């Protein structure tokens, strides 16, 4: 498992590892990206309303 990106945000750190998707097809990886994007967009949209 390798850390491919580390993002510092405030007092937190987001680490992105390659172990979840390195053995997947490009299509599988795109599905993962699409699903995560929907979750993130939903979060930010709820922050605007609330």
PDB file of N, CA and C in Angstrom:
ATOM      1  N   UNK A   1       0.853  -1.174   0.000  1.00  0.00           N
ATOM      2  CA  UNK A   1       0.000   0.000   0.000  1.00  0.00           C
ATOM      3  C   UNK A   1       0.896   1.233   0.000  1.00  0.00           C
ATOM      4  N   UNK A   2       0.699   2.080  -0.980  1.00  0.00           N
ATOM      5  CA  UNK A   2       1.494   3.297  -1.089  1.00  0.00           C
ATOM      6  C   UNK A   2       0.591   4.517  -0.972  1.00  0.00           C
ATOM      7  N   UNK A   3       1.073   5.534  -0.289  1.00  0.00           N
ATOM      8  CA  UNK A   3       0.357   6.810  -0.228  1.00  0.00           C
ATOM      9  C   UNK A   3       0.694   7.554  -1.506  1.00  0.00           C
ATOM     10  N   UNK A   4      -0.340   7.856  -2.300  1.00  0.00           N
ATOM     11  CA  UNK A   4      -0.072   8.548  -3.561  1.00  0.00           C
ATOM     12  C   UNK A   4      -0.324  10.044  -3.458  1.00  0.00           C
ATOM     13  N   UNK A   5      -1.067  10.459  -2.415  1.00  0.00           N
ATOM     14  CA  UNK A   5      -1.288  11.891  -2.225  1.00  0.00           C
ATOM     15  C   UNK A   5      -1.635  12.136  -0.776  1.00  0.00           C
ATOM     16  N   UNK A   6      -1.158  13.244  -0.238  1.00  0.00           N
ATOM     17  CA  UNK A   6      -1.483  13.641   1.120  1.00  0.00           C
ATOM     18  C   UNK A   6      -1.928  15.093   1.093  1.00  0.00           C
ATOM     19  N   UNK A   7      -3.094  15.359   1.652  1.00  0.00           N
ATOM     20  CA  UNK A   7      -3.671  16.698   1.636  1.00  0.00           C
ATOM     21  C   UNK A   7      -3.893  17.139   3.079  1.00  0.00           C
ATOM     22  N   UNK A   8      -3.308  18.261   3.462  1.00  0.00           N
ATOM     23  CA  UNK A   8      -3.514  18.803   4.806  1.00  0.00           C
ATOM     24  C   UNK A   8      -4.627  19.832   4.743  1.00  0.00           C
ATOM     25  N   UNK A   9      -5.612  19.647   5.623  1.00  0.00           N
ATOM     26  CA  UNK A   9      -6.760  20.548   5.666  1.00  0.00           C
ATOM     27  C   UNK A   9      -7.046  20.889   7.124  1.00  0.00           C
ATOM     28  N   UNK A  10      -6.740  22.111   7.508  1.00  0.00           N
ATOM     29  CA  UNK A  10      -6.907  22.487   8.907  1.00  0.00           C
ATOM     30  C   UNK A  10      -6.018  21.622   9.780  1.00  0.00           C
ATOM     31  N   UNK A  11      -6.623  20.986  10.790  1.00  0.00           N
ATOM     32  CA  UNK A  11      -5.847  20.116  11.671  1.00  0.00           C
ATOM     33  C   UNK A  11      -5.874  18.668  11.204  1.00  0.00           C
ATOM     34  N   UNK A  12      -6.535  18.401  10.087  1.00  0.00           N
ATOM     35  CA  UNK A  12      -6.647  17.031   9.579  1.00  0.00           C
ATOM     36  C   UNK A  12      -5.759  16.779   8.378  1.00  0.00           C
ATOM     37  N   UNK A  13      -5.575  15.503   8.102  1.00  0.00           N
ATOM     38  CA  UNK A  13      -4.781  15.079   6.957  1.00  0.00           C
ATOM     39  C   UNK A  13      -5.569  14.011   6.211  1.00  0.00           C
ATOM     40  N   UNK A  14      -5.671  14.172   4.894  1.00  0.00           N
ATOM     41  CA  UNK A  14      -6.314  13.175   4.037  1.00  0.00           C
ATOM     42  C   UNK A  14      -5.201  12.466   3.290  1.00  0.00           C
ATOM     43  N   UNK A  15      -5.174  11.143   3.439  1.00  0.00           N
ATOM     44  CA  UNK A  15      -4.161  10.349   2.730  1.00  0.00           C
ATOM     45  C   UNK A  15      -4.864   9.439   1.731  1.00  0.00           C
ATOM     46  N   UNK A  16      -4.415   9.494   0.491  1.00  0.00           N
ATOM     47  CA  UNK A  16      -4.989   8.668  -0.565  1.00  0.00           C
ATOM     48  C   UNK A  16      -4.002   7.550  -0.872  1.00  0.00           C
ATOM     49  N   UNK A  17      -4.490   6.325  -0.721  1.00  0.00           N
ATOM     50  CA  UNK A  17      -3.669   5.130  -0.949  1.00  0.00           C
ATOM     51  C   UNK A  17      -4.066   4.481  -2.273  1.00  0.00           C
ATOM     52  N   UNK A  18      -3.172   3.714  -2.847  1.00  0.00           N
ATOM     53  CA  UNK A  18      -3.460   3.055  -4.121  1.00  0.00           C
ATOM     54  C   UNK A  18      -3.971   1.626  -3.965  1.00  0.00           C
ATOM     55  N   UNK A  19      -4.052   1.114  -2.755  1.00  0.00           N
ATOM     56  CA  UNK A  19      -4.389  -0.299  -2.577  1.00  0.00           C
ATOM     57  C   UNK A  19      -5.827  -0.646  -2.932  1.00  0.00           C
ATOM     58  N   UNK A  20      -6.733   0.303  -2.906  1.00  0.00           N
ATOM     59  CA  UNK A  20      -8.129  -0.007  -3.193  1.00  0.00           C
ATOM     60  C   UNK A  20      -8.401  -0.167  -4.685  1.00  0.00           C
ATOM     61  N   UNK A  21      -7.672   0.547  -5.512  1.00  0.00           N
ATOM     62  CA  UNK A  21      -8.016   0.555  -6.931  1.00  0.00           C
ATOM     63  C   UNK A  21      -6.896   0.121  -7.875  1.00  0.00           C
ATOM     64  N   UNK A  22      -5.743  -0.265  -7.384  1.00  0.00           N
ATOM     65  CA  UNK A  22      -4.628  -0.555  -8.293  1.00  0.00           C
ATOM     66  C   UNK A  22      -4.837  -1.810  -9.135  1.00  0.00           C
ATOM     67  N   UNK A  23      -5.676  -2.748  -8.678  1.00  0.00           N
ATOM     68  CA  UNK A  23      -5.910  -3.965  -9.446  1.00  0.00           C
ATOM     69  C   UNK A  23      -7.245  -3.950 -10.181  1.00  0.00           C
ATOM     70  N   UNK A  24      -7.897  -2.806 -10.247  1.00  0.00           N
ATOM     71  CA  UNK A  24      -9.188  -2.666 -10.919  1.00  0.00           C
ATOM     72  C   UNK A  24      -9.005  -2.273 -12.380  1.00  0.00           C
ATOM     73  N   UNK A  25     -10.095  -2.432 -13.132  1.00  0.00           N
ATOM     74  CA  UNK A  25     -10.102  -1.928 -14.506  1.00  0.00           C
ATOM     75  C   UNK A  25     -10.306  -0.418 -14.484  1.00  0.00           C
ATOM     76  N   UNK A  26     -10.060   0.233 -15.603  1.00  0.00           N
ATOM     77  CA  UNK A  26     -10.300   1.673 -15.692  1.00  0.00           C
ATOM     78  C   UNK A  26     -11.772   1.995 -15.447  1.00  0.00           C
ATOM     79  N   UNK A  27     -12.652   1.128 -15.915  1.00  0.00           N
ATOM     80  CA  UNK A  27     -14.093   1.333 -15.734  1.00  0.00           C
ATOM     81  C   UNK A  27     -14.477   1.240 -14.258  1.00  0.00           C
ATOM     82  N   UNK A  28     -13.911   0.262 -13.554  1.00  0.00           N
ATOM     83  CA  UNK A  28     -14.178   0.130 -12.119  1.00  0.00           C
ATOM     84  C   UNK A  28     -13.690   1.358 -11.358  1.00  0.00           C
ATOM     85  N   UNK A  29     -12.500   1.830 -11.705  1.00  0.00           N
ATOM     86  CA  UNK A  29     -11.969   3.023 -11.050  1.00  0.00           C
ATOM     87  C   UNK A  29     -12.835   4.244 -11.333  1.00  0.00           C
ATOM     88  N   UNK A  30     -13.363   4.365 -12.540  1.00  0.00           N
ATOM     89  CA  UNK A  30     -14.227   5.491 -12.871  1.00  0.00           C
ATOM     90  C   UNK A  30     -15.518   5.435 -12.056  1.00  0.00           C
ATOM     91  N   UNK A  31     -16.055   4.235 -11.857  1.00  0.00           N
ATOM     92  CA  UNK A  31     -17.261   4.081 -11.030  1.00  0.00           C
ATOM     93  C   UNK A  31     -16.993   4.534  -9.599  1.00  0.00           C
ATOM     94  N   UNK A  32     -15.826   4.196  -9.075  1.00  0.00           N
ATOM     95  CA  UNK A  32     -15.452   4.629  -7.727  1.00  0.00           C
ATOM     96  C   UNK A  32     -15.390   6.153  -7.664  1.00  0.00           C
ATOM     97  N   UNK A  33     -14.742   6.753  -8.645  1.00  0.00           N
ATOM     98  CA  UNK A  33     -14.625   8.218  -8.690  1.00  0.00           C
ATOM     99  C   UNK A  33     -16.000   8.862  -8.789  1.00  0.00           C
ATOM    100  N   UNK A  34     -16.871   8.313  -9.621  1.00  0.00           N
ATOM    101  CA  UNK A  34     -18.217   8.861  -9.775  1.00  0.00           C
ATOM    102  C   UNK A  34     -19.000   8.776  -8.470  1.00  0.00           C
ATOM    103  N   UNK A  35     -18.912   7.642  -7.771  1.00  0.00           N
ATOM    104  CA  UNK A  35     -19.641   7.480  -6.516  1.00  0.00           C
ATOM    105  C   UNK A  35     -19.128   8.426  -5.434  1.00  0.00           C
ATOM    106  N   UNK A  36     -17.822   8.552  -5.326  1.00  0.00           N
ATOM    107  CA  UNK A  36     -17.245   9.466  -4.338  1.00  0.00           C
ATOM    108  C   UNK A  36     -17.618  10.909  -4.675  1.00  0.00           C
ATOM    109  N   UNK A  37     -17.607  11.253  -5.949  1.00  0.00           N
ATOM    110  CA  UNK A  37     -17.977  12.604  -6.373  1.00  0.00           C
ATOM    111  C   UNK A  37     -19.413  12.933  -5.979  1.00  0.00           C
ATOM    112  N   UNK A  38     -20.324  11.975  -6.146  1.00  0.00           N
ATOM    113  CA  UNK A  38     -21.726  12.195  -5.756  1.00  0.00           C
ATOM    114  C   UNK A  38     -21.843  12.455  -4.261  1.00  0.00           C
ATOM    115  N   UNK A  39     -21.087  11.708  -3.468  1.00  0.00           N
ATOM    116  CA  UNK A  39     -21.120  11.905  -2.021  1.00  0.00           C
ATOM    117  C   UNK A  39     -20.606  13.293  -1.654  1.00  0.00           C
ATOM    118  N   UNK A  40     -19.496  13.696  -2.263  1.00  0.00           N
ATOM    119  CA  UNK A  40     -18.904  15.002  -1.963  1.00  0.00           C
ATOM    120  C   UNK A  40     -19.826  16.131  -2.398  1.00  0.00           C
ATOM    121  N   UNK A  41     -20.389  16.034  -3.597  1.00  0.00           N
ATOM    122  CA  UNK A  41     -21.306  17.066  -4.089  1.00  0.00           C
ATOM    123  C   UNK A  41     -22.526  17.158  -3.181  1.00  0.00           C
ATOM    124  N   UNK A  42     -23.080  16.004  -2.766  1.00  0.00           N
ATOM    125  CA  UNK A  42     -24.220  15.999  -1.860  1.00  0.00           C
ATOM    126  C   UNK A  42     -23.903  16.681  -0.539  1.00  0.00           C
ATOM    127  N   UNK A  43     -22.715  16.453  -0.023  1.00  0.00           N
ATOM    128  CA  UNK A  43     -22.308  17.089   1.216  1.00  0.00           C
ATOM    129  C   UNK A  43     -22.276  18.605   1.078  1.00  0.00           C
ATOM    130  N   UNK A  44     -21.631  19.097   0.035  1.00  0.00           N
ATOM    131  CA  UNK A  44     -21.511  20.542  -0.132  1.00  0.00           C
ATOM    132  C   UNK A  44     -22.859  21.188  -0.448  1.00  0.00           C
ATOM    133  N   UNK A  45     -23.712  20.499  -1.167  1.00  0.00           N
ATOM    134  CA  UNK A  45     -25.044  21.042  -1.435  1.00  0.00           C
ATOM    135  C   UNK A  45     -25.849  21.135  -0.143  1.00  0.00           C
ATOM    136  N   UNK A  46     -25.712  20.178   0.753  1.00  0.00           N
ATOM    137  CA  UNK A  46     -26.435  20.234   2.025  1.00  0.00           C
ATOM    138  C   UNK A  46     -25.899  21.351   2.914  1.00  0.00           C
ATOM    139  N   UNK A  47     -24.635  21.691   2.774  1.00  0.00           N
ATOM    140  CA  UNK A  47     -24.065  22.782   3.548  1.00  0.00           C
ATOM    141  C   UNK A  47     -24.604  24.139   3.115  1.00  0.00           C
ATOM    142  N   UNK A  48     -24.905  24.284   1.828  1.00  0.00           N
ATOM    143  CA  UNK A  48     -25.475  25.538   1.317  1.00  0.00           C
ATOM    144  C   UNK A  48     -26.892  25.740   1.829  1.00  0.00           C
ATOM    145  N   UNK A  49     -27.660  24.652   1.881  1.00  0.00           N
ATOM    146  CA  UNK A  49     -29.066  24.731   2.268  1.00  0.00           C
ATOM    147  C   UNK A  49     -29.178  24.918   3.786  1.00  0.00           C
ATOM    148  N   UNK A  50     -28.428  24.124   4.533  1.00  0.00           N
ATOM    149  CA  UNK A  50     -28.520  24.092   5.988  1.00  0.00           C
ATOM    150  C   UNK A  50     -27.896  25.257   6.609  1.00  0.00           C
TER     151      UNK A  50
END
